[in-house]
Amino acid sequence: MAEQLLIRRLAFLALFQLDARGDLTDAELESSVLHGDDPKVDVSTIDRGSQRKAWELAREAYADRKRCDDVMKNLAPEWPAYRQAAVDRALLRLAHFEIHSERVPAPIAIDAAVELAKEFSTEKSPGFINALLDQAAKRLASKQETKAKKPSKESDAGADAQADEDSETGG
């Protein structure tokens, strides 16, 4: 579990850098993240596998940023991405990506984002991040429930065929 927390922390720091500086190579990410000022990132304890996972997570969240930004703008129109603090924006994008891609259960992703916000952002940021991510997760869960309940056309056709067969056989 500690490894997953470290990966998420590195991914957040990398995503922050990607947002600020654009597309970076792994070497550039490593240089800016691992040799930065974060005392909780002990370079000697980070293996290459964890680094690769963190960079991949950050890049995927960065690639998916428009979806996250659109969701957050819908939930808080007065706070579009360009008005959010860069730290908050990176945390929202990372957690939203983890939730949307179903890599991490929503409560875990939200809690991790809130904890990082407490450490890296303003006093009001944890509440802001918690509220937005909670609403986004609930909407996503609601959409998934609706999708699961709604039968597809293929299953409707199969059910109709089965009903016709049952009526013909008296069953």
Protein backbone atom coordinates (compact mmCIF):
# COMPACT_ATOMS: atom_id res chain seq x y z
CA MET A 1 0.00 0.00 0.00
CA ALA A 2 2.86 2.36 0.75
CA GLU A 3 4.11 1.80 -2.79
CA GLN A 4 0.73 2.86 -4.22
CA LEU A 5 0.79 6.05 -2.12
CA LEU A 6 4.29 6.83 -3.40
CA ILE A 7 3.23 6.17 -7.00
CA ARG A 8 0.22 8.47 -6.59
CA ARG A 9 2.37 11.18 -5.00
CA LEU A 10 4.93 10.97 -7.82
CA ALA A 11 2.14 10.95 -10.41
CA PHE A 12 0.62 14.07 -8.84
CA LEU A 13 3.98 15.87 -8.88
CA ALA A 14 4.60 14.76 -12.47
CA LEU A 15 1.10 15.83 -13.55
CA PHE A 16 1.72 19.22 -11.97
CA GLN A 17 4.91 19.51 -14.05
CA LEU A 18 3.18 18.35 -17.24
CA ASP A 19 0.46 20.94 -16.70
CA ALA A 20 3.02 23.70 -16.13
CA ARG A 21 5.57 22.76 -18.77
CA GLY A 22 3.81 20.65 -21.39
CA ASP A 23 4.89 17.26 -22.62
CA LEU A 24 8.10 16.14 -20.94
CA THR A 25 10.31 13.12 -21.43
CA ASP A 26 10.66 10.60 -18.62
CA ALA A 27 14.14 11.97 -17.94
CA GLU A 28 12.76 15.49 -17.61
CA LEU A 29 9.98 14.28 -15.31
CA GLU A 30 12.50 12.39 -13.22
CA SER A 31 14.73 15.43 -12.96
CA SER A 32 11.96 17.84 -11.99
CA VAL A 33 10.05 15.50 -9.65
CA LEU A 34 12.73 13.41 -8.00
CA HIS A 35 15.18 16.23 -7.53
CA GLY A 36 12.65 18.80 -6.40
CA ASP A 37 11.98 20.13 -2.92
CA ASP A 38 9.55 17.47 -1.65
CA PRO A 39 11.12 15.96 1.49
CA LYS A 40 8.70 13.00 1.32
CA VAL A 41 10.15 11.87 -1.99
CA ASP A 42 13.27 10.01 -0.97
CA VAL A 43 15.04 9.25 -4.23
CA SER A 44 16.94 6.35 -2.68
CA THR A 45 13.70 4.45 -1.95
CA ILE A 46 12.10 4.74 -5.37
CA ASP A 47 12.60 1.85 -7.75
CA ARG A 48 12.38 2.20 -11.52
CA GLY A 49 9.14 0.19 -11.68
CA SER A 50 7.36 2.61 -9.35
CA GLN A 51 8.70 5.55 -11.33
CA ARG A 52 7.43 4.08 -14.60
CA LYS A 53 4.00 3.47 -13.06
CA ALA A 54 3.86 7.04 -11.75
CA TRP A 55 4.92 8.58 -15.06
CA GLU A 56 2.40 6.42 -16.93
CA LEU A 57 -0.39 7.39 -14.53
CA ALA A 58 0.50 11.08 -14.85
CA ARG A 59 0.64 10.91 -18.65
CA GLU A 60 -2.70 9.10 -18.86
CA ALA A 61 -4.35 11.60 -16.51
CA TYR A 62 -2.80 14.45 -18.52
CA ALA A 63 -4.10 12.96 -21.78
CA ASP A 64 -7.57 12.69 -20.20
CA ARG A 65 -7.52 16.23 -18.77
CA LYS A 66 -10.20 17.63 -21.08
CA ARG A 67 -12.75 15.08 -19.88
CA CYS A 68 -11.98 15.93 -16.26
CA ASP A 69 -12.02 19.66 -16.91
CA ASP A 70 -15.41 19.37 -18.64
CA VAL A 71 -16.88 17.38 -15.74
CA MET A 72 -15.54 19.82 -13.16
CA LYS A 73 -16.76 22.82 -15.17
CA ASN A 74 -20.20 21.25 -15.30
CA LEU A 75 -20.16 20.72 -11.52
CA ALA A 76 -18.65 24.10 -10.65
CA PRO A 77 -19.14 26.48 -13.58
CA GLU A 78 -17.67 29.37 -11.61
CA TRP A 79 -14.41 27.42 -11.23
CA PRO A 80 -13.27 26.28 -14.69
CA ALA A 81 -9.82 24.71 -14.92
CA TYR A 82 -8.06 27.96 -15.80
CA ARG A 83 -9.31 29.56 -12.55
CA GLN A 84 -8.28 26.67 -10.30
CA ALA A 85 -5.00 26.62 -8.45
CA ALA A 86 -2.53 24.48 -10.41
CA VAL A 87 -2.14 22.08 -7.48
CA ASP A 88 -5.91 21.63 -7.18
CA ARG A 89 -6.24 21.14 -10.93
CA ALA A 90 -3.58 18.42 -10.92
CA LEU A 91 -5.19 16.66 -7.95
CA LEU A 92 -8.65 16.80 -9.52
CA ARG A 93 -7.34 15.46 -12.82
CA LEU A 94 -5.41 12.63 -11.22
CA ALA A 95 -8.22 11.48 -8.93
CA HIS A 96 -10.86 11.88 -11.63
CA PHE A 97 -8.78 9.77 -14.00
CA GLU A 98 -8.31 7.06 -11.35
CA ILE A 99 -12.05 7.00 -10.66
CA HIS A 100 -13.17 7.17 -14.29
CA SER A 101 -10.73 4.49 -15.43
CA GLU A 102 -11.83 2.35 -12.45
CA ARG A 103 -8.22 1.84 -11.38
CA VAL A 104 -9.03 2.82 -7.83
CA PRO A 105 -12.34 2.85 -5.93
CA ALA A 106 -13.73 6.38 -5.71
CA PRO A 107 -13.45 6.73 -1.90
CA ILE A 108 -9.74 5.82 -2.00
CA ALA A 109 -8.95 8.19 -4.88
CA ILE A 110 -10.90 11.01 -3.23
CA ASP A 111 -9.28 10.48 0.16
CA ALA A 112 -5.81 10.43 -1.40
CA ALA A 113 -6.51 13.67 -3.31
CA VAL A 114 -7.81 15.35 -0.15
CA GLU A 115 -4.74 14.28 1.84
CA LEU A 116 -2.40 15.62 -0.85
CA ALA A 117 -4.43 18.85 -0.95
CA LYS A 118 -3.98 19.26 2.80
CA GLU A 119 -0.26 18.98 2.30
CA PHE A 120 0.27 20.93 -0.91
CA SER A 121 -2.58 23.40 -1.31
CA THR A 122 -4.60 26.02 0.54
CA GLU A 123 -6.75 25.61 3.62
CA LYS A 124 -9.96 25.56 1.55
CA SER A 125 -8.70 23.21 -1.15
CA PRO A 126 -9.37 19.87 0.59
CA GLY A 127 -13.08 20.71 0.94
CA PHE A 128 -13.28 21.99 -2.63
CA ILE A 129 -11.58 18.88 -4.01
CA ASN A 130 -13.63 16.52 -1.85
CA ALA A 131 -16.93 18.12 -2.90
CA LEU A 132 -16.15 18.11 -6.63
CA LEU A 133 -14.75 14.58 -6.73
CA ASP A 134 -17.59 13.23 -4.60
CA GLN A 135 -20.17 14.74 -6.97
CA ALA A 136 -18.26 13.48 -10.01
CA ALA A 137 -18.01 9.97 -8.56
CA LYS A 138 -21.74 9.91 -7.74
CA ARG A 139 -22.63 11.02 -11.27
CA LEU A 140 -20.35 8.40 -12.77
CA ALA A 141 -21.82 5.68 -10.52
CA SER A 142 -25.34 6.79 -11.46
CA LYS A 143 -24.50 6.64 -15.17
CA GLN A 144 -23.00 3.17 -14.74
CA GLU A 145 -26.10 1.96 -12.86
CA THR A 146 -28.38 3.35 -15.57
CA LYS A 147 -26.23 1.73 -18.24
CA ALA A 148 -26.28 -1.62 -16.41
CA LYS A 149 -30.08 -1.52 -16.01
CA LYS A 150 -30.73 -0.52 -19.61
CA PRO A 151 -30.80 -3.64 -21.79
CA SER A 152 -28.97 -3.45 -25.06
CA LYS A 153 -30.77 -3.90 -28.39
CA GLU A 154 -29.10 -7.30 -28.82
CA SER A 155 -30.37 -8.55 -25.47
CA ASP A 156 -33.83 -7.12 -26.29
CA ALA A 157 -33.83 -9.04 -29.57
CA GLY A 158 -32.68 -12.18 -27.77
CA ALA A 159 -35.39 -11.77 -25.13
CA ASP A 160 -38.02 -11.22 -27.84
CA ALA A 161 -36.85 -14.34 -29.68
CA GLN A 162 -36.93 -16.33 -26.43
CA ALA A 163 -40.44 -15.03 -25.66
CA ASP A 164 -41.61 -16.02 -29.17
CA GLU A 165 -40.04 -19.45 -28.72
CA ASP A 166 -41.64 -19.86 -25.28
CA SER A 167 -45.08 -18.89 -26.62
CA GLU A 168 -44.71 -21.33 -29.52
CA THR A 169 -43.67 -24.18 -27.23
CA GLY A 170 -46.19 -23.30 -24.57
CA GLY A 171 -43.42 -22.61 -22.06
